[in-house]
C-alpha atoms as a PDB file:
ATOM      1  CA  MET A   1      -4.956   2.599 -10.781  1.00  0.00           C
ATOM      2  CA  HIS A   2      -5.252   6.333 -10.078  1.00  0.00           C
ATOM      3  CA  ALA A   3      -4.910   8.869 -12.971  1.00  0.00           C
ATOM      4  CA  ASP A   4      -2.541  11.213 -12.181  1.00  0.00           C
ATOM      5  CA  ARG A   5       0.267   8.452 -11.358  1.00  0.00           C
ATOM      6  CA  THR A   6      -1.340   7.252 -14.982  1.00  0.00           C
ATOM      7  CA  ASN A   7      -0.833  10.606 -16.608  1.00  0.00           C
ATOM      8  CA  ARG A   8       2.486  11.335 -15.251  1.00  0.00           C
ATOM      9  CA  ALA A   9       3.667   8.076 -16.249  1.00  0.00           C
ATOM     10  CA  ALA A  10       2.459   8.022 -19.874  1.00  0.00           C
ATOM     11  CA  LEU A  11       3.540  11.734 -20.467  1.00  0.00           C
ATOM     12  CA  VAL A  12       7.571  11.129 -19.180  1.00  0.00           C
ATOM     13  CA  LEU A  13       7.251   7.637 -21.727  1.00  0.00           C
ATOM     14  CA  LEU A  14       6.326   9.875 -24.422  1.00  0.00           C
ATOM     15  CA  ALA A  15       8.852  13.006 -23.352  1.00  0.00           C
ATOM     16  CA  ILE A  16      11.801  10.142 -23.561  1.00  0.00           C
ATOM     17  CA  LEU A  17      10.699   8.747 -26.888  1.00  0.00           C
ATOM     18  CA  LEU A  18      10.384  12.034 -28.346  1.00  0.00           C
ATOM     19  CA  ILE A  19      13.664  13.183 -26.640  1.00  0.00           C
ATOM     20  CA  ALA A  20      15.934  10.320 -28.097  1.00  0.00           C
ATOM     21  CA  ALA A  21      14.624  10.440 -31.598  1.00  0.00           C
ATOM     22  CA  GLY A  22      15.576  14.081 -31.464  1.00  0.00           C
ATOM     23  CA  VAL A  23      18.822  12.936 -30.011  1.00  0.00           C
ATOM     24  CA  LEU A  24      18.783  10.706 -32.627  1.00  0.00           C
ATOM     25  CA  GLY A  25      17.966  12.716 -35.879  1.00  0.00           C
ATOM     26  CA  ALA A  26      20.783  15.089 -34.157  1.00  0.00           C
ATOM     27  CA  LEU A  27      23.750  12.456 -33.942  1.00  0.00           C
ATOM     28  CA  LEU A  28      23.112  11.223 -37.520  1.00  0.00           C
ATOM     29  CA  SER A  29      23.071  14.672 -39.041  1.00  0.00           C
ATOM     30  CA  PHE A  30      26.120  15.922 -37.239  1.00  0.00           C
ATOM     31  CA  GLY A  31      27.888  12.686 -38.947  1.00  0.00           C
ATOM     32  CA  VAL A  32      28.282  10.631 -35.653  1.00  0.00           C
ATOM     33  CA  PHE A  33      26.986   7.587 -38.004  1.00  0.00           C
ATOM     34  CA  GLY A  34      29.138   8.042 -40.904  1.00  0.00           C
ATOM     35  CA  ASP A  35      29.058  10.157 -43.965  1.00  0.00           C
ATOM     36  CA  ALA A  36      27.163   8.145 -45.737  1.00  0.00           C
ATOM     37  CA  ARG A  37      24.308   7.898 -43.118  1.00  0.00           C
ATOM     38  CA  GLN A  38      24.875  11.715 -42.934  1.00  0.00           C
ATOM     39  CA  HIS A  39      22.980  12.850 -46.119  1.00  0.00           C
ATOM     40  CA  ARG A  40      20.435  10.044 -46.637  1.00  0.00           C
ATOM     41  CA  SER A  41      16.857  11.055 -46.486  1.00  0.00           C
ATOM     42  CA  LEU A  42      15.372  10.576 -42.841  1.00  0.00           C
ATOM     43  CA  ILE A  43      12.732   8.701 -44.011  1.00  0.00           C
ATOM     44  CA  ASP A  44      14.397   6.148 -47.197  1.00  0.00           C
ATOM     45  CA  ASN A  45      12.528   4.538 -49.800  1.00  0.00           C
ATOM     46  CA  ALA A  46      13.214   1.104 -48.168  1.00  0.00           C
ATOM     47  CA  VAL A  47      10.865   1.514 -46.024  1.00  0.00           C
ATOM     48  CA  GLY A  48       8.253   2.502 -48.450  1.00  0.00           C
ATOM     49  CA  GLN A  49       8.915  -0.621 -50.511  1.00  0.00           C
ATOM     50  CA  TYR A  50       9.128  -3.073 -47.025  1.00  0.00           C
ATOM     51  CA  PHE A  51       5.326  -1.549 -46.698  1.00  0.00           C
ATOM     52  CA  GLY A  52       4.990  -2.348 -50.058  1.00  0.00           C
ATOM     53  CA  ALA A  53       5.972  -5.789 -50.390  1.00  0.00           C
ATOM     54  CA  GLN A  54       4.510  -6.537 -46.402  1.00  0.00           C
ATOM     55  CA  SER A  55       1.152  -4.868 -47.029  1.00  0.00           C
ATOM     56  CA  GLN A  56      -1.585  -8.303 -46.733  1.00  0.00           C
ATOM     57  CA  TRP A  57      -0.649  -8.780 -43.086  1.00  0.00           C
ATOM     58  CA  LEU A  58       1.571  -5.463 -42.364  1.00  0.00           C
ATOM     59  CA  TRP A  59      -1.824  -3.059 -42.779  1.00  0.00           C
ATOM     60  CA  PRO A  60      -4.003  -4.873 -40.427  1.00  0.00           C
ATOM     61  CA  VAL A  61      -1.573  -5.424 -37.894  1.00  0.00           C
ATOM     62  CA  ILE A  62      -1.142  -2.006 -37.964  1.00  0.00           C
ATOM     63  CA  ALA A  63      -5.130  -1.049 -37.836  1.00  0.00           C
ATOM     64  CA  VAL A  64      -5.030  -3.493 -35.040  1.00  0.00           C
ATOM     65  CA  ALA A  65      -2.369  -1.573 -32.857  1.00  0.00           C
ATOM     66  CA  ALA A  66      -4.183   1.610 -33.530  1.00  0.00           C
ATOM     67  CA  GLY A  67      -7.614   0.264 -32.390  1.00  0.00           C
ATOM     68  CA  LEU A  68      -5.988  -0.789 -29.122  1.00  0.00           C
ATOM     69  CA  THR A  69      -3.654   2.464 -28.886  1.00  0.00           C
ATOM     70  CA  ALA A  70      -7.752   4.406 -29.361  1.00  0.00           C
ATOM     71  CA  LEU A  71      -9.042   2.106 -26.190  1.00  0.00           C
ATOM     72  CA  LEU A  72      -6.104   2.617 -24.208  1.00  0.00           C
ATOM     73  CA  CYS A  73      -6.319   6.489 -24.772  1.00  0.00           C
ATOM     74  CA  LEU A  74     -10.182   6.332 -24.157  1.00  0.00           C
ATOM     75  CA  ARG A  75      -9.558   4.389 -20.748  1.00  0.00           C
ATOM     76  CA  TRP A  76      -6.905   6.948 -19.970  1.00  0.00           C
ATOM     77  CA  LEU A  77      -9.514   9.736 -20.735  1.00  0.00           C
ATOM     78  CA  PHE A  78     -12.622   7.673 -19.283  1.00  0.00           C
ATOM     79  CA  LEU A  79     -10.271   7.356 -15.499  1.00  0.00           C
ATOM     80  CA  LEU A  80      -8.694  11.141 -15.787  1.00  0.00           C
ATOM     81  CA  LEU A  81     -12.026  12.701 -16.135  1.00  0.00           C
ATOM     82  CA  PHE A  82     -14.423  10.147 -13.659  1.00  0.00           C
ATOM     83  CA  SER A  83     -12.165   9.067 -11.793  1.00  0.00           C
ATOM     84  CA  THR A  84     -12.597   9.589  -7.940  1.00  0.00           C
ATOM     85  CA  ASP A  85     -10.943   8.586  -4.751  1.00  0.00           C
ATOM     86  CA  ARG A  86     -14.269   9.276  -2.467  1.00  0.00           C
ATOM     87  CA  VAL A  87     -16.087   6.780  -0.813  1.00  0.00           C
ATOM     88  CA  GLY A  88     -19.452   5.860  -0.334  1.00  0.00           C
ATOM     89  CA  ASP A  89     -20.839   3.768   3.038  1.00  0.00           C
ATOM     90  CA  VAL A  90     -18.281   4.042   5.685  1.00  0.00           C
ATOM     91  CA  GLY A  91     -18.501   1.167   8.322  1.00  0.00           C
ATOM     92  CA  ILE A  92     -18.655   2.027  11.529  1.00  0.00           C
ATOM     93  CA  ARG A  93     -16.199   0.276  13.886  1.00  0.00           C
ATOM     94  CA  GLY A  94     -17.966  -0.331  17.133  1.00  0.00           C
ATOM     95  CA  ASP A  95     -19.442  -3.386  18.114  1.00  0.00           C
ATOM     96  CA  ARG A  96     -20.235  -5.462  15.730  1.00  0.00           C
ATOM     97  CA  SER A  97     -22.060  -8.487  17.409  1.00  0.00           C
ATOM     98  CA  ALA A  98     -25.494  -7.293  16.587  1.00  0.00           C
ATOM     99  CA  GLY A  99     -24.485  -6.750  12.954  1.00  0.00           C
ATOM    100  CA  ARG A 100     -22.443  -4.065  10.362  1.00  0.00           C
ATOM    101  CA  THR A 101     -23.593  -0.314  10.602  1.00  0.00           C
ATOM    102  CA  THR A 102     -22.580   1.572   7.578  1.00  0.00           C
ATOM    103  CA  LEU A 103     -22.756   5.390   7.377  1.00  0.00           C
ATOM    104  CA  ILE A 104     -23.491   7.555   3.467  1.00  0.00           C
ATOM    105  CA  SER A 105     -20.158   9.625   4.101  1.00  0.00           C
ATOM    106  CA  THR A 106     -22.354  12.482   2.711  1.00  0.00           C
ATOM    107  CA  ALA A 107     -23.996  12.008   5.866  1.00  0.00           C
ATOM    108  CA  LEU A 108     -20.758  12.727   7.651  1.00  0.00           C
ATOM    109  CA  THR A 109     -19.779  15.393   5.274  1.00  0.00           C
ATOM    110  CA  ASP A 110     -23.078  17.497   5.088  1.00  0.00           C
ATOM    111  CA  ALA A 111     -22.994  17.234   9.296  1.00  0.00           C
ATOM    112  CA  VAL A 112     -19.067  18.241   9.483  1.00  0.00           C
ATOM    113  CA  THR A 113     -19.113  20.620   6.838  1.00  0.00           C
ATOM    114  CA  ASP A 114     -22.827  22.278   8.458  1.00  0.00           C
ATOM    115  CA  GLU A 115     -21.202  22.668  11.820  1.00  0.00           C
ATOM    116  CA  ILE A 116     -18.346  24.434  10.892  1.00  0.00           C
ATOM    117  CA  ASP A 117     -20.067  27.124   8.597  1.00  0.00           C
ATOM    118  CA  ASN A 118     -21.793  27.917  11.934  1.00  0.00           C
ATOM    119  CA  TYR A 119     -18.805  28.875  13.658  1.00  0.00           C
ATOM    120  CA  ALA A 120     -18.352  32.903  13.265  1.00  0.00           C
ATOM    121  CA  GLY A 121     -15.617  33.986  11.443  1.00  0.00           C
ATOM    122  CA  VAL A 122     -16.561  31.302   8.472  1.00  0.00           C
ATOM    123  CA  HIS A 123     -16.937  32.164   5.081  1.00  0.00           C
ATOM    124  CA  ALA A 124     -17.216  28.896   3.603  1.00  0.00           C
ATOM    125  CA  ALA A 125     -16.440  25.266   4.457  1.00  0.00           C
ATOM    126  CA  ARG A 126     -16.237  21.695   2.311  1.00  0.00           C
ATOM    127  CA  ALA A 127     -15.930  18.407   3.817  1.00  0.00           C
ATOM    128  CA  ARG A 128     -14.745  14.900   1.507  1.00  0.00           C
ATOM    129  CA  VAL A 129     -14.078  11.044   3.193  1.00  0.00           C
ATOM    130  CA  ILE A 130     -11.658   9.922   0.770  1.00  0.00           C
ATOM    131  CA  GLY A 131      -9.433   6.742   1.337  1.00  0.00           C
ATOM    132  CA  ASP A 132     -11.892   3.147   0.914  1.00  0.00           C
ATOM    133  CA  ALA A 133     -14.333   1.721   3.039  1.00  0.00           C
ATOM    134  CA  SER A 134     -11.824   0.293   5.931  1.00  0.00           C
ATOM    135  CA  SER A 135      -9.645   2.639   6.365  1.00  0.00           C
ATOM    136  CA  PRO A 136     -11.364   6.576   5.453  1.00  0.00           C
ATOM    137  CA  ARG A 137      -9.751   9.854   5.350  1.00  0.00           C
ATOM    138  CA  LEU A 138     -11.494  12.842   6.468  1.00  0.00           C
ATOM    139  CA  VAL A 139      -9.944  16.065   4.346  1.00  0.00           C
ATOM    140  CA  ILE A 140     -11.781  19.259   5.706  1.00  0.00           C
ATOM    141  CA  THR A 141     -11.338  22.768   3.389  1.00  0.00           C
ATOM    142  CA  THR A 142     -12.265  25.729   5.455  1.00  0.00           C
ATOM    143  CA  THR A 143     -12.048  29.583   4.440  1.00  0.00           C
ATOM    144  CA  LEU A 144     -11.645  32.003   7.303  1.00  0.00           C
ATOM    145  CA  GLU A 145     -12.232  35.865   6.854  1.00  0.00           C
ATOM    146  CA  GLU A 146      -9.995  38.191   7.407  1.00  0.00           C
ATOM    147  CA  SER A 147     -11.591  39.159  10.946  1.00  0.00           C
ATOM    148  CA  ALA A 148     -11.521  35.326  12.248  1.00  0.00           C
ATOM    149  CA  ASP A 149      -9.430  33.990  15.314  1.00  0.00           C
ATOM    150  CA  LEU A 150      -7.091  31.545  12.796  1.00  0.00           C
ATOM    151  CA  PRO A 151      -6.078  29.487  16.215  1.00  0.00           C
ATOM    152  CA  GLU A 152      -9.111  29.737  17.520  1.00  0.00           C
ATOM    153  CA  LEU A 153     -11.022  28.530  14.773  1.00  0.00           C
ATOM    154  CA  ARG A 154      -8.551  26.156  14.256  1.00  0.00           C
ATOM    155  CA  ARG A 155      -9.033  24.889  17.905  1.00  0.00           C
ATOM    156  CA  ARG A 156     -12.515  24.811  18.148  1.00  0.00           C
ATOM    157  CA  ILE A 157     -12.544  22.783  14.589  1.00  0.00           C
ATOM    158  CA  GLU A 158     -10.618  20.357  16.029  1.00  0.00           C
ATOM    159  CA  ASP A 159     -12.355  20.219  19.428  1.00  0.00           C
ATOM    160  CA  GLN A 160     -15.443  19.852  17.801  1.00  0.00           C
ATOM    161  CA  ALA A 161     -16.617  18.879  14.568  1.00  0.00           C
ATOM    162  CA  ILE A 162     -13.558  16.622  14.244  1.00  0.00           C
ATOM    163  CA  ALA A 163     -14.115  15.441  17.756  1.00  0.00           C
ATOM    164  CA  HIS A 164     -17.870  14.779  17.001  1.00  0.00           C
ATOM    165  CA  ALA A 165     -17.284  13.361  13.621  1.00  0.00           C
ATOM    166  CA  ARG A 166     -14.598  10.405  14.882  1.00  0.00           C
ATOM    167  CA  GLN A 167     -17.249   9.864  17.583  1.00  0.00           C
ATOM    168  CA  ALA A 168     -19.618   9.114  14.637  1.00  0.00           C
ATOM    169  CA  LEU A 169     -17.701   6.595  12.934  1.00  0.00           C
ATOM    170  CA  ASP A 170     -16.303   5.438  16.549  1.00  0.00           C
ATOM    171  CA  ASP A 171     -13.041   5.607  15.478  1.00  0.00           C
ATOM    172  CA  GLU A 172     -10.717   7.625  18.053  1.00  0.00           C
ATOM    173  CA  HIS A 173      -7.679   7.606  15.097  1.00  0.00           C
ATOM    174  CA  LEU A 174      -9.759   8.890  12.469  1.00  0.00           C
ATOM    175  CA  PRO A 175      -7.416  10.773   9.828  1.00  0.00           C
ATOM    176  CA  VAL A 176      -8.178  13.901   9.025  1.00  0.00           C
ATOM    177  CA  GLN A 177      -6.509  16.989   6.484  1.00  0.00           C
ATOM    178  CA  LEU A 178      -7.463  20.348   7.542  1.00  0.00           C
ATOM    179  CA  ASP A 179      -7.125  23.318   5.296  1.00  0.00           C
ATOM    180  CA  LEU A 180      -7.258  26.790   5.915  1.00  0.00           C
ATOM    181  CA  SER A 181      -7.231  29.358   3.843  1.00  0.00           C
ATOM    182  CA  VAL A 182      -8.362  33.320   4.461  1.00  0.00           C
ATOM    183  CA  THR A 183     -10.357  35.607   1.987  1.00  0.00           C
ATOM    184  CA  ASP A 184     -11.332  38.968   2.124  1.00  0.00           C
ATOM    185  CA  ARG A 185     -14.738  39.115   1.528  1.00  0.00           C
ATOM    186  CA  ARG A 186     -17.553  38.438   4.564  1.00  0.00           C
ATOM    187  CA  ALA A 187     -20.055  35.751   4.858  1.00  0.00           C
ATOM    188  CA  LYS A 188     -23.477  36.671   4.097  1.00  0.00           C
ATOM    189  CA  ARG A 189     -25.581  35.592   7.078  1.00  0.00           C
ATOM    190  CA  VAL A 190     -29.030  35.567   7.962  1.00  0.00           C
ATOM    191  CA  SER A 191     -30.213  36.270  11.541  1.00  0.00           C
END
């Protein structure tokens, strides 16, 4: 389950319920359901009487429902804070007759990042492998200096760093997302 989709679905459902309650309250106050209901209090004493009459079973049910709600909220928070779509080990697609070969994704991302960081005009680079081990995607985020030749750096990243990553995974069709941005800060390079 992806935390962002769950977040949106839960918040949309809560918004719909609150809007419906507000509309119902407004309709009651304007007398749409009759004059007798228009002047009644929102929470009648009948509700309190019902809770008093059914207290032996009603309060334990409410407690269990509250406990389940708390558990669902904790799960939601856990997914929100700790979910990731990053891949651990990536299988290399080559000849499997001699066995299966895997590559730790951080080794690949470190190599790609180090290569791109060494290009002139690059301020910073980051890479990550997302998806699942059988169909990974490489995401590269690169910040370039203002003086950098953007088309040349893009071509170099595609022709060299991305080509090396595809070669390492033996997957010439490895999907890659390349995000380029420009900064006014200069990289500190030590020669």
